[in-house]
Amino acid sequence: MTERSARRTRMSAPERRESILAAATEVFAEVGYLRGKTSAVAQRVGVSEPVVFQNFGTKAALFAAVVDRAADHVCRMLDRVTESAVPVAGLLETMLDPDHLHHVHSAGTVGAIFADASGVTGEPEVEAAARRSTQRFATSITAVLARGRADGELRPDLDTEAAAWWLLSLVASQKFRYSTAADPAAVEARLAAGTLAFLLA
């Protein structure tokens, strides 16, 4: 028995599922849902392609699970921020930084998965996962903003839920601005400055 086959034998069902999700996250982040192949996922895990389908049924179900798993990770980070003493104003400055936003959408990042999922049509499981993740982000960001408002960093009359959706829309539409604005870098800088000026106390 080789070392690889021994590792496969010892792996429990939950561990196998998690290893497939981790590999699928890498594949879909790098090349997207349409170009990502379950055979590539299987190869990274070191299993046959049927094992991937035994665990998830379809490619769409696998991608939906990847989106949910990635959303879990992002929301856990946001929830930790809410419970910490990290200045919310500084977090917003980082979040709105044009270079940061551009990186968020780059191939190979978790953000690329959400951007890709939001554009998928005709796959109900993926569309539902994209909606769930966005709604969860809005809830977590609302909590972060509420803490910033309570701490006096953000304006006291801020509608935190509306502001959370505003921020999500701003992040999601950066690709549109880069493809249409005459000077996208200047537009991004002004949008970031204007948004911060509105949010901060």
N, C-alpha and C. Protein backbone atom coordinates (compact mmCIF):
# COMPACT_ATOMS: atom_id res chain seq x y z
N MET A 1 0.86 -1.21 0.00
CA MET A 1 0.00 0.00 0.00
C MET A 1 0.89 1.25 0.00
N THR A 2 0.66 2.15 -0.93
CA THR A 2 1.44 3.38 -0.99
C THR A 2 1.01 4.33 0.11
N GLU A 3 1.86 5.37 0.35
CA GLU A 3 1.53 6.37 1.37
C GLU A 3 0.24 7.10 1.01
N ARG A 4 0.05 7.42 -0.29
CA ARG A 4 -1.16 8.14 -0.70
C ARG A 4 -2.40 7.27 -0.49
N SER A 5 -2.33 6.00 -0.88
CA SER A 5 -3.49 5.14 -0.71
C SER A 5 -3.79 4.91 0.76
N ALA A 6 -2.76 4.90 1.60
CA ALA A 6 -2.97 4.74 3.03
C ALA A 6 -3.71 5.94 3.60
N ARG A 7 -3.33 7.13 3.13
CA ARG A 7 -4.01 8.34 3.60
C ARG A 7 -5.48 8.32 3.18
N ARG A 8 -5.73 7.83 1.93
CA ARG A 8 -7.11 7.76 1.46
C ARG A 8 -7.93 6.78 2.31
N THR A 9 -7.30 5.65 2.68
CA THR A 9 -8.01 4.64 3.45
C THR A 9 -8.38 5.16 4.83
N ARG A 10 -7.47 5.91 5.44
CA ARG A 10 -7.69 6.38 6.81
C ARG A 10 -8.67 7.55 6.88
N MET A 11 -8.91 8.22 5.78
CA MET A 11 -9.74 9.43 5.80
C MET A 11 -11.21 9.09 6.04
N SER A 12 -11.82 9.77 7.00
CA SER A 12 -13.24 9.57 7.28
C SER A 12 -14.09 10.26 6.22
N ALA A 13 -15.39 9.96 6.21
CA ALA A 13 -16.28 10.57 5.22
C ALA A 13 -16.30 12.09 5.33
N PRO A 14 -16.42 12.67 6.54
CA PRO A 14 -16.38 14.13 6.65
C PRO A 14 -15.04 14.72 6.19
N GLU A 15 -13.95 14.00 6.49
CA GLU A 15 -12.63 14.48 6.05
C GLU A 15 -12.52 14.42 4.53
N ARG A 16 -13.05 13.36 3.94
CA ARG A 16 -13.02 13.24 2.48
C ARG A 16 -13.80 14.39 1.85
N ARG A 17 -14.98 14.67 2.39
CA ARG A 17 -15.82 15.74 1.86
C ARG A 17 -15.10 17.08 1.98
N GLU A 18 -14.47 17.32 3.12
CA GLU A 18 -13.76 18.58 3.32
C GLU A 18 -12.57 18.70 2.38
N SER A 19 -11.87 17.60 2.14
CA SER A 19 -10.72 17.65 1.23
C SER A 19 -11.17 17.95 -0.20
N ILE A 20 -12.33 17.42 -0.58
CA ILE A 20 -12.87 17.71 -1.91
C ILE A 20 -13.27 19.18 -2.01
N LEU A 21 -13.91 19.70 -0.96
CA LEU A 21 -14.31 21.11 -0.95
C LEU A 21 -13.09 22.03 -1.03
N ALA A 22 -12.04 21.69 -0.30
CA ALA A 22 -10.83 22.52 -0.33
C ALA A 22 -10.21 22.55 -1.72
N ALA A 23 -10.14 21.38 -2.35
CA ALA A 23 -9.59 21.32 -3.71
C ALA A 23 -10.49 22.03 -4.70
N ALA A 24 -11.80 21.86 -4.56
CA ALA A 24 -12.74 22.53 -5.46
C ALA A 24 -12.67 24.04 -5.32
N THR A 25 -12.46 24.51 -4.09
CA THR A 25 -12.31 25.95 -3.87
C THR A 25 -11.13 26.49 -4.66
N GLU A 26 -10.03 25.78 -4.64
CA GLU A 26 -8.84 26.20 -5.38
C GLU A 26 -9.12 26.22 -6.88
N VAL A 27 -9.72 25.16 -7.38
CA VAL A 27 -9.97 25.05 -8.82
C VAL A 27 -10.92 26.14 -9.30
N PHE A 28 -12.05 26.30 -8.61
CA PHE A 28 -13.05 27.29 -9.05
C PHE A 28 -12.54 28.72 -8.87
N ALA A 29 -11.74 28.96 -7.84
CA ALA A 29 -11.19 30.30 -7.65
C ALA A 29 -10.20 30.65 -8.77
N GLU A 30 -9.50 29.65 -9.25
CA GLU A 30 -8.49 29.88 -10.28
C GLU A 30 -9.08 30.05 -11.67
N VAL A 31 -10.06 29.21 -12.03
CA VAL A 31 -10.54 29.21 -13.42
C VAL A 31 -12.03 29.48 -13.56
N GLY A 32 -12.77 29.55 -12.46
CA GLY A 32 -14.20 29.83 -12.55
C GLY A 32 -15.04 28.56 -12.63
N TYR A 33 -16.34 28.75 -12.46
CA TYR A 33 -17.26 27.61 -12.45
C TYR A 33 -17.36 26.93 -13.81
N LEU A 34 -17.50 27.72 -14.87
CA LEU A 34 -17.72 27.13 -16.19
C LEU A 34 -16.50 26.35 -16.67
N ARG A 35 -15.31 26.87 -16.41
CA ARG A 35 -14.09 26.21 -16.87
C ARG A 35 -13.56 25.18 -15.88
N GLY A 36 -14.00 25.27 -14.64
CA GLY A 36 -13.53 24.32 -13.64
C GLY A 36 -14.09 22.93 -13.89
N LYS A 37 -13.25 21.93 -13.78
CA LYS A 37 -13.66 20.55 -14.06
C LYS A 37 -13.59 19.70 -12.79
N THR A 38 -14.59 18.86 -12.63
CA THR A 38 -14.57 17.96 -11.47
C THR A 38 -13.40 16.99 -11.55
N SER A 39 -12.94 16.69 -12.76
CA SER A 39 -11.77 15.81 -12.90
C SER A 39 -10.53 16.47 -12.32
N ALA A 40 -10.43 17.81 -12.47
CA ALA A 40 -9.29 18.53 -11.89
C ALA A 40 -9.37 18.52 -10.37
N VAL A 41 -10.59 18.63 -9.84
CA VAL A 41 -10.78 18.56 -8.39
C VAL A 41 -10.34 17.19 -7.88
N ALA A 42 -10.81 16.16 -8.54
CA ALA A 42 -10.47 14.79 -8.14
C ALA A 42 -8.96 14.57 -8.17
N GLN A 43 -8.32 15.09 -9.20
CA GLN A 43 -6.88 14.92 -9.33
C GLN A 43 -6.14 15.57 -8.16
N ARG A 44 -6.59 16.74 -7.74
CA ARG A 44 -5.92 17.43 -6.63
C ARG A 44 -6.10 16.68 -5.30
N VAL A 45 -7.24 16.04 -5.15
CA VAL A 45 -7.50 15.29 -3.92
C VAL A 45 -6.79 13.94 -3.94
N GLY A 46 -6.60 13.41 -5.15
CA GLY A 46 -6.01 12.09 -5.27
C GLY A 46 -7.04 10.98 -5.25
N VAL A 47 -8.24 11.29 -5.78
CA VAL A 47 -9.31 10.30 -5.86
C VAL A 47 -9.82 10.24 -7.29
N SER A 48 -10.69 9.29 -7.56
CA SER A 48 -11.30 9.22 -8.89
C SER A 48 -12.45 10.22 -8.97
N GLU A 49 -12.79 10.62 -10.19
CA GLU A 49 -13.88 11.59 -10.37
C GLU A 49 -15.21 11.09 -9.82
N PRO A 50 -15.54 9.79 -9.95
CA PRO A 50 -16.80 9.31 -9.36
C PRO A 50 -16.92 9.56 -7.86
N VAL A 51 -15.78 9.59 -7.16
CA VAL A 51 -15.82 9.87 -5.71
C VAL A 51 -16.35 11.28 -5.46
N VAL A 52 -15.97 12.22 -6.32
CA VAL A 52 -16.47 13.59 -6.18
C VAL A 52 -17.98 13.60 -6.34
N PHE A 53 -18.47 12.90 -7.35
CA PHE A 53 -19.92 12.86 -7.59
C PHE A 53 -20.66 12.08 -6.51
N GLN A 54 -20.02 11.07 -5.94
CA GLN A 54 -20.65 10.33 -4.84
C GLN A 54 -20.90 11.24 -3.65
N ASN A 55 -20.01 12.20 -3.45
CA ASN A 55 -20.11 13.10 -2.30
C ASN A 55 -21.03 14.29 -2.56
N PHE A 56 -21.11 14.75 -3.81
CA PHE A 56 -21.85 15.99 -4.08
C PHE A 56 -22.92 15.87 -5.16
N GLY A 57 -22.92 14.80 -5.90
CA GLY A 57 -23.99 14.59 -6.88
C GLY A 57 -23.75 15.23 -8.22
N THR A 58 -23.58 16.54 -8.24
CA THR A 58 -23.39 17.27 -9.50
C THR A 58 -22.32 18.34 -9.33
N LYS A 59 -21.82 18.83 -10.43
CA LYS A 59 -20.86 19.93 -10.39
C LYS A 59 -21.49 21.17 -9.77
N ALA A 60 -22.76 21.43 -10.10
CA ALA A 60 -23.45 22.60 -9.55
C ALA A 60 -23.57 22.49 -8.03
N ALA A 61 -23.90 21.30 -7.54
CA ALA A 61 -24.02 21.11 -6.10
C ALA A 61 -22.66 21.28 -5.42
N LEU A 62 -21.61 20.83 -6.07
CA LEU A 62 -20.26 21.00 -5.53
C LEU A 62 -19.91 22.49 -5.44
N PHE A 63 -20.18 23.23 -6.51
CA PHE A 63 -19.86 24.66 -6.51
C PHE A 63 -20.70 25.39 -5.46
N ALA A 64 -21.96 25.02 -5.33
CA ALA A 64 -22.82 25.64 -4.31
C ALA A 64 -22.25 25.40 -2.92
N ALA A 65 -21.75 24.18 -2.68
CA ALA A 65 -21.15 23.87 -1.39
C ALA A 65 -19.87 24.67 -1.17
N VAL A 66 -19.11 24.89 -2.24
CA VAL A 66 -17.91 25.72 -2.16
C VAL A 66 -18.27 27.16 -1.77
N VAL A 67 -19.32 27.69 -2.39
CA VAL A 67 -19.77 29.05 -2.08
C VAL A 67 -20.20 29.14 -0.62
N ASP A 68 -20.96 28.16 -0.15
CA ASP A 68 -21.40 28.16 1.25
C ASP A 68 -20.21 28.08 2.21
N ARG A 69 -19.25 27.23 1.88
CA ARG A 69 -18.07 27.07 2.73
C ARG A 69 -17.25 28.35 2.78
N ALA A 70 -17.08 28.99 1.63
CA ALA A 70 -16.32 30.24 1.58
C ALA A 70 -17.05 31.34 2.35
N ALA A 71 -18.39 31.35 2.26
CA ALA A 71 -19.17 32.34 3.01
C ALA A 71 -19.02 32.12 4.51
N ASP A 72 -18.97 30.85 4.93
CA ASP A 72 -18.73 30.55 6.34
C ASP A 72 -17.44 31.21 6.81
N HIS A 73 -16.40 31.08 6.01
CA HIS A 73 -15.09 31.62 6.36
C HIS A 73 -15.13 33.14 6.47
N VAL A 74 -15.71 33.80 5.48
CA VAL A 74 -15.77 35.26 5.48
C VAL A 74 -16.61 35.77 6.65
N CYS A 75 -17.75 35.14 6.89
CA CYS A 75 -18.64 35.60 7.96
C CYS A 75 -18.02 35.38 9.33
N ARG A 76 -17.27 34.30 9.49
CA ARG A 76 -16.57 34.09 10.77
C ARG A 76 -15.58 35.21 11.02
N MET A 77 -14.86 35.63 9.99
CA MET A 77 -13.91 36.73 10.14
C MET A 77 -14.64 38.03 10.51
N LEU A 78 -15.73 38.31 9.83
CA LEU A 78 -16.49 39.53 10.12
C LEU A 78 -17.08 39.48 11.53
N ASP A 79 -17.55 38.32 11.95
CA ASP A 79 -18.12 38.20 13.29
C ASP A 79 -17.04 38.40 14.36
N ARG A 80 -15.82 37.94 14.07
CA ARG A 80 -14.73 38.17 15.03
C ARG A 80 -14.41 39.65 15.14
N VAL A 81 -14.50 40.36 14.02
CA VAL A 81 -14.27 41.80 14.04
C VAL A 81 -15.33 42.49 14.90
N THR A 82 -16.58 42.06 14.73
CA THR A 82 -17.67 42.65 15.50
C THR A 82 -17.43 42.49 17.00
N GLU A 83 -16.90 41.33 17.39
CA GLU A 83 -16.70 41.03 18.80
C GLU A 83 -15.38 41.57 19.34
N SER A 84 -14.55 42.14 18.48
CA SER A 84 -13.24 42.62 18.90
C SER A 84 -13.26 44.13 19.12
N ALA A 85 -12.06 44.66 19.40
CA ALA A 85 -11.92 46.10 19.56
C ALA A 85 -11.26 46.74 18.33
N VAL A 86 -11.19 46.01 17.24
CA VAL A 86 -10.60 46.54 16.00
C VAL A 86 -11.41 47.75 15.54
N PRO A 87 -10.76 48.88 15.28
CA PRO A 87 -11.49 50.08 14.83
C PRO A 87 -12.24 49.82 13.52
N VAL A 88 -13.52 50.10 13.51
CA VAL A 88 -14.34 49.87 12.32
C VAL A 88 -13.95 50.84 11.21
N ALA A 89 -13.57 52.05 11.58
CA ALA A 89 -13.17 53.03 10.56
C ALA A 89 -11.98 52.53 9.76
N GLY A 90 -11.01 51.95 10.45
CA GLY A 90 -9.83 51.41 9.76
C GLY A 90 -10.18 50.24 8.87
N LEU A 91 -11.10 49.41 9.33
CA LEU A 91 -11.56 48.28 8.52
C LEU A 91 -12.22 48.77 7.24
N LEU A 92 -13.04 49.81 7.35
CA LEU A 92 -13.72 50.34 6.17
C LEU A 92 -12.73 50.96 5.19
N GLU A 93 -11.72 51.63 5.71
CA GLU A 93 -10.69 52.21 4.83
C GLU A 93 -10.00 51.12 4.03
N THR A 94 -9.70 50.01 4.70
CA THR A 94 -9.06 48.88 4.01
C THR A 94 -10.01 48.26 2.99
N MET A 95 -11.25 48.06 3.41
CA MET A 95 -12.25 47.42 2.54
C MET A 95 -12.49 48.23 1.27
N LEU A 96 -12.48 49.56 1.40
CA LEU A 96 -12.80 50.42 0.26
C LEU A 96 -11.58 50.82 -0.56
N ASP A 97 -10.40 50.46 -0.11
CA ASP A 97 -9.20 50.80 -0.86
C ASP A 97 -9.29 50.19 -2.26
N PRO A 98 -9.12 51.00 -3.31
CA PRO A 98 -9.29 50.49 -4.68
C PRO A 98 -8.42 49.28 -5.00
N ASP A 99 -7.18 49.29 -4.53
CA ASP A 99 -6.30 48.15 -4.79
C ASP A 99 -6.81 46.89 -4.09
N HIS A 100 -7.33 47.07 -2.89
CA HIS A 100 -7.89 45.92 -2.16
C HIS A 100 -9.10 45.36 -2.91
N LEU A 101 -9.99 46.23 -3.35
CA LEU A 101 -11.17 45.78 -4.09
C LEU A 101 -10.77 45.04 -5.36
N HIS A 102 -9.75 45.56 -6.04
CA HIS A 102 -9.30 44.92 -7.27
C HIS A 102 -8.75 43.52 -6.96
N HIS A 103 -8.00 43.41 -5.86
CA HIS A 103 -7.44 42.12 -5.47
C HIS A 103 -8.55 41.13 -5.11
N VAL A 104 -9.60 41.62 -4.47
CA VAL A 104 -10.71 40.77 -4.05
C VAL A 104 -11.31 40.01 -5.23
N HIS A 105 -11.31 40.64 -6.40
CA HIS A 105 -11.91 40.02 -7.58
C HIS A 105 -10.90 39.23 -8.43
N SER A 106 -9.64 39.20 -8.00
CA SER A 106 -8.61 38.55 -8.81
C SER A 106 -8.76 37.04 -8.79
N ALA A 107 -8.35 36.42 -9.89
CA ALA A 107 -8.39 34.96 -9.97
C ALA A 107 -7.55 34.35 -8.86
N GLY A 108 -8.05 33.28 -8.28
CA GLY A 108 -7.34 32.61 -7.21
C GLY A 108 -7.76 33.03 -5.82
N THR A 109 -8.59 34.06 -5.72
CA THR A 109 -9.04 34.54 -4.41
C THR A 109 -10.45 34.04 -4.11
N VAL A 110 -10.80 34.06 -2.83
CA VAL A 110 -12.15 33.66 -2.43
C VAL A 110 -13.18 34.60 -3.05
N GLY A 111 -12.83 35.89 -3.16
CA GLY A 111 -13.74 36.85 -3.74
C GLY A 111 -14.13 36.50 -5.17
N ALA A 112 -13.20 35.88 -5.89
CA ALA A 112 -13.49 35.49 -7.27
C ALA A 112 -14.61 34.46 -7.32
N ILE A 113 -14.70 33.63 -6.29
CA ILE A 113 -15.76 32.62 -6.24
C ILE A 113 -17.12 33.28 -6.13
N PHE A 114 -17.23 34.29 -5.24
CA PHE A 114 -18.52 34.96 -5.07
C PHE A 114 -18.90 35.76 -6.32
N ALA A 115 -17.91 36.42 -6.92
CA ALA A 115 -18.18 37.18 -8.14
C ALA A 115 -18.66 36.25 -9.25
N ASP A 116 -18.03 35.08 -9.35
CA ASP A 116 -18.42 34.10 -10.36
C ASP A 116 -19.82 33.56 -10.08
N ALA A 117 -20.09 33.23 -8.82
CA ALA A 117 -21.39 32.66 -8.45
C ALA A 117 -22.53 33.61 -8.75
N SER A 118 -22.29 34.90 -8.54
CA SER A 118 -23.35 35.88 -8.75
C SER A 118 -23.73 36.02 -10.22
N GLY A 119 -22.86 35.57 -11.11
CA GLY A 119 -23.14 35.67 -12.54
C GLY A 119 -23.66 34.39 -13.16
N VAL A 120 -23.74 33.32 -12.38
CA VAL A 120 -24.21 32.04 -12.91
C VAL A 120 -25.74 32.05 -13.03
N THR A 121 -26.24 31.63 -14.18
CA THR A 121 -27.70 31.53 -14.38
C THR A 121 -28.04 30.12 -14.85
N GLY A 122 -29.28 29.72 -14.62
CA GLY A 122 -29.72 28.41 -15.06
C GLY A 122 -29.28 27.27 -14.17
N GLU A 123 -28.68 27.58 -13.03
CA GLU A 123 -28.26 26.57 -12.06
C GLU A 123 -28.88 26.94 -10.71
N PRO A 124 -30.08 26.46 -10.41
CA PRO A 124 -30.79 26.88 -9.20
C PRO A 124 -29.99 26.73 -7.91
N GLU A 125 -29.22 25.64 -7.79
CA GLU A 125 -28.43 25.44 -6.57
C GLU A 125 -27.38 26.52 -6.40
N VAL A 126 -26.73 26.89 -7.49
CA VAL A 126 -25.69 27.92 -7.43
C VAL A 126 -26.32 29.28 -7.16
N GLU A 127 -27.42 29.56 -7.85
CA GLU A 127 -28.10 30.85 -7.64
C GLU A 127 -28.55 30.99 -6.18
N ALA A 128 -29.07 29.91 -5.61
CA ALA A 128 -29.51 29.95 -4.21
C ALA A 128 -28.33 30.17 -3.27
N ALA A 129 -27.20 29.51 -3.56
CA ALA A 129 -26.01 29.68 -2.72
C ALA A 129 -25.48 31.11 -2.81
N ALA A 130 -25.53 31.69 -4.01
CA ALA A 130 -25.08 33.08 -4.18
C ALA A 130 -25.95 34.03 -3.38
N ARG A 131 -27.26 33.81 -3.41
CA ARG A 131 -28.18 34.65 -2.62
C ARG A 131 -27.91 34.49 -1.12
N ARG A 132 -27.76 33.25 -0.69
CA ARG A 132 -27.51 33.00 0.73
C ARG A 132 -26.25 33.70 1.20
N SER A 133 -25.18 33.56 0.42
CA SER A 133 -23.91 34.14 0.85
C SER A 133 -24.01 35.66 0.92
N THR A 134 -24.65 36.28 -0.06
CA THR A 134 -24.78 37.74 -0.05
C THR A 134 -25.61 38.21 1.13
N GLN A 135 -26.70 37.50 1.41
CA GLN A 135 -27.53 37.87 2.55
C GLN A 135 -26.78 37.71 3.87
N ARG A 136 -25.96 36.67 3.96
CA ARG A 136 -25.16 36.47 5.17
C ARG A 136 -24.12 37.57 5.32
N PHE A 137 -23.50 37.96 4.20
CA PHE A 137 -22.53 39.06 4.26
C PHE A 137 -23.20 40.33 4.76
N ALA A 138 -24.39 40.60 4.23
CA ALA A 138 -25.11 41.81 4.63
C ALA A 138 -25.39 41.80 6.13
N THR A 139 -25.79 40.64 6.65
CA THR A 139 -26.07 40.53 8.08
C THR A 139 -24.81 40.77 8.91
N SER A 140 -23.69 40.15 8.50
CA SER A 140 -22.45 40.29 9.25
C SER A 140 -21.89 41.71 9.16
N ILE A 141 -21.96 42.32 7.97
CA ILE A 141 -21.47 43.69 7.82
C ILE A 141 -22.35 44.65 8.59
N THR A 142 -23.65 44.40 8.62
CA THR A 142 -24.56 45.24 9.40
C THR A 142 -24.13 45.24 10.87
N ALA A 143 -23.76 44.08 11.39
CA ALA A 143 -23.33 43.98 12.78
C ALA A 143 -22.03 44.75 13.01
N VAL A 144 -21.10 44.66 12.06
CA VAL A 144 -19.84 45.42 12.18
C VAL A 144 -20.13 46.92 12.21
N LEU A 145 -20.99 47.37 11.30
CA LEU A 145 -21.32 48.80 11.24
C LEU A 145 -22.06 49.25 12.50
N ALA A 146 -22.92 48.39 13.03
CA ALA A 146 -23.65 48.74 14.25
C ALA A 146 -22.68 48.94 15.41
N ARG A 147 -21.65 48.10 15.47
CA ARG A 147 -20.64 48.28 16.51
C ARG A 147 -19.89 49.59 16.32
N GLY A 148 -19.55 49.90 15.06
CA GLY A 148 -18.87 51.17 14.78
C GLY A 148 -19.72 52.36 15.15
N ARG A 149 -21.02 52.26 14.89
CA ARG A 149 -21.93 53.35 15.27
C ARG A 149 -22.01 53.48 16.79
N ALA A 150 -22.12 52.35 17.48
CA ALA A 150 -22.21 52.37 18.95
C ALA A 150 -20.93 52.91 19.58
N ASP A 151 -19.79 52.65 18.94
CA ASP A 151 -18.51 53.13 19.46
C ASP A 151 -18.24 54.59 19.11
N GLY A 152 -19.12 55.20 18.32
CA GLY A 152 -18.94 56.60 17.96
C GLY A 152 -18.05 56.84 16.77
N GLU A 153 -17.64 55.77 16.08
CA GLU A 153 -16.79 55.93 14.90
C GLU A 153 -17.60 56.32 13.66
N LEU A 154 -18.83 55.84 13.60
CA LEU A 154 -19.68 56.10 12.45
C LEU A 154 -20.80 57.05 12.83
N ARG A 155 -21.37 57.69 11.84
CA ARG A 155 -22.40 58.69 12.10
C ARG A 155 -23.56 58.08 12.91
N PRO A 156 -24.09 58.81 13.86
CA PRO A 156 -25.11 58.25 14.77
C PRO A 156 -26.44 57.93 14.09
N ASP A 157 -26.72 58.57 12.96
CA ASP A 157 -27.99 58.32 12.27
C ASP A 157 -27.86 57.30 11.15
N LEU A 158 -26.74 56.57 11.12
CA LEU A 158 -26.49 55.63 10.03
C LEU A 158 -27.47 54.46 10.06
N ASP A 159 -28.10 54.19 8.91
CA ASP A 159 -28.92 52.99 8.74
C ASP A 159 -27.94 51.87 8.38
N THR A 160 -27.57 51.06 9.37
CA THR A 160 -26.49 50.10 9.17
C THR A 160 -26.83 49.01 8.15
N GLU A 161 -28.08 48.59 8.09
CA GLU A 161 -28.45 47.56 7.11
C GLU A 161 -28.36 48.11 5.69
N ALA A 162 -28.90 49.31 5.48
CA ALA A 162 -28.83 49.92 4.15
C ALA A 162 -27.37 50.17 3.76
N ALA A 163 -26.56 50.60 4.73
CA ALA A 163 -25.15 50.86 4.45
C ALA A 163 -24.42 49.57 4.09
N ALA A 164 -24.78 48.46 4.75
CA ALA A 164 -24.15 47.18 4.43
C ALA A 164 -24.43 46.78 2.99
N TRP A 165 -25.68 46.94 2.55
CA TRP A 165 -26.02 46.61 1.16
C TRP A 165 -25.36 47.58 0.19
N TRP A 166 -25.21 48.82 0.58
CA TRP A 166 -24.51 49.80 -0.24
C TRP A 166 -23.06 49.35 -0.45
N LEU A 167 -22.39 48.95 0.63
CA LEU A 167 -21.01 48.51 0.53
C LEU A 167 -20.88 47.26 -0.34
N LEU A 168 -21.79 46.32 -0.16
CA LEU A 168 -21.75 45.11 -0.99
C LEU A 168 -21.95 45.45 -2.47
N SER A 169 -22.86 46.36 -2.75
CA SER A 169 -23.09 46.77 -4.14
C SER A 169 -21.86 47.46 -4.72
N LEU A 170 -21.20 48.25 -3.90
CA LEU A 170 -20.00 48.95 -4.34
C LEU A 170 -18.90 47.96 -4.70
N VAL A 171 -18.73 46.95 -3.85
CA VAL A 171 -17.72 45.93 -4.11
C VAL A 171 -18.06 45.14 -5.37
N ALA A 172 -19.31 44.74 -5.50
CA ALA A 172 -19.73 43.89 -6.61
C ALA A 172 -19.65 44.58 -7.96
N SER A 173 -19.74 45.90 -7.97
CA SER A 173 -19.80 46.62 -9.25
C SER A 173 -18.47 47.21 -9.69
N GLN A 174 -17.38 46.87 -9.01
CA GLN A 174 -16.10 47.46 -9.41
C GLN A 174 -15.69 47.03 -10.82
N LYS A 175 -15.93 45.78 -11.16
CA LYS A 175 -15.57 45.31 -12.50
C LYS A 175 -16.27 46.14 -13.57
N PHE A 176 -17.54 46.47 -13.33
CA PHE A 176 -18.31 47.31 -14.26
C PHE A 176 -17.64 48.67 -14.43
N ARG A 177 -17.22 49.27 -13.32
CA ARG A 177 -16.59 50.60 -13.40
C ARG A 177 -15.26 50.53 -14.14
N TYR A 178 -14.49 49.49 -13.89
CA TYR A 178 -13.20 49.36 -14.56
C TYR A 178 -13.36 49.16 -16.07
N SER A 179 -14.45 48.55 -16.47
CA SER A 179 -14.64 48.27 -17.89
C SER A 179 -15.33 49.41 -18.63
N THR A 180 -15.87 50.40 -17.91
CA THR A 180 -16.63 51.47 -18.58
C THR A 180 -16.12 52.88 -18.30
N ALA A 181 -15.53 53.14 -17.15
CA ALA A 181 -15.10 54.50 -16.81
C ALA A 181 -13.87 54.89 -17.62
N ALA A 182 -13.79 56.17 -18.00
CA ALA A 182 -12.63 56.65 -18.75
C ALA A 182 -11.36 56.59 -17.91
N ASP A 183 -11.49 56.90 -16.62
CA ASP A 183 -10.35 56.86 -15.70
C ASP A 183 -10.81 56.11 -14.45
N PRO A 184 -10.86 54.79 -14.52
CA PRO A 184 -11.42 54.01 -13.41
C PRO A 184 -10.69 54.20 -12.09
N ALA A 185 -9.38 54.36 -12.14
CA ALA A 185 -8.62 54.54 -10.89
C ALA A 185 -9.07 55.79 -10.16
N ALA A 186 -9.27 56.88 -10.92
CA ALA A 186 -9.71 58.13 -10.30
C ALA A 186 -11.13 57.99 -9.76
N VAL A 187 -11.99 57.33 -10.51
CA VAL A 187 -13.37 57.11 -10.05
C VAL A 187 -13.38 56.29 -8.77
N GLU A 188 -12.57 55.24 -8.73
CA GLU A 188 -12.52 54.38 -7.53
C GLU A 188 -12.06 55.17 -6.32
N ALA A 189 -11.04 55.99 -6.49
CA ALA A 189 -10.52 56.78 -5.37
C ALA A 189 -11.57 57.74 -4.85
N ARG A 190 -12.30 58.38 -5.77
CA ARG A 190 -13.33 59.33 -5.34
C ARG A 190 -14.51 58.63 -4.68
N LEU A 191 -14.88 57.46 -5.20
CA LEU A 191 -15.95 56.69 -4.58
C LEU A 191 -15.58 56.27 -3.15
N ALA A 192 -14.36 55.82 -2.98
CA ALA A 192 -13.90 55.40 -1.65
C ALA A 192 -13.92 56.57 -0.69
N ALA A 193 -13.40 57.71 -1.14
CA ALA A 193 -13.36 58.89 -0.27
C ALA A 193 -14.76 59.37 0.07
N GLY A 194 -15.64 59.40 -0.93
CA GLY A 194 -17.01 59.86 -0.69
C GLY A 194 -17.78 58.94 0.23
N THR A 195 -17.57 57.63 0.07
CA THR A 195 -18.26 56.67 0.92
C THR A 195 -17.80 56.80 2.37
N LEU A 196 -16.50 56.91 2.56
CA LEU A 196 -15.97 57.07 3.92
C LEU A 196 -16.46 58.36 4.56
N ALA A 197 -16.48 59.42 3.77
CA ALA A 197 -16.94 60.71 4.30
C ALA A 197 -18.38 60.63 4.77
N PHE A 198 -19.19 59.84 4.07
CA PHE A 198 -20.59 59.69 4.46
C PHE A 198 -20.73 58.83 5.71
N LEU A 199 -19.95 57.76 5.80
CA LEU A 199 -20.12 56.80 6.89
C LEU A 199 -19.54 57.27 8.22
N LEU A 200 -18.40 57.93 8.16
CA LEU A 200 -17.69 58.26 9.40
C LEU A 200 -18.34 59.42 10.14
N ALA A 201 -18.20 59.37 11.46
CA ALA A 201 -18.79 60.42 12.30
C ALA A 201 -18.02 61.72 12.13
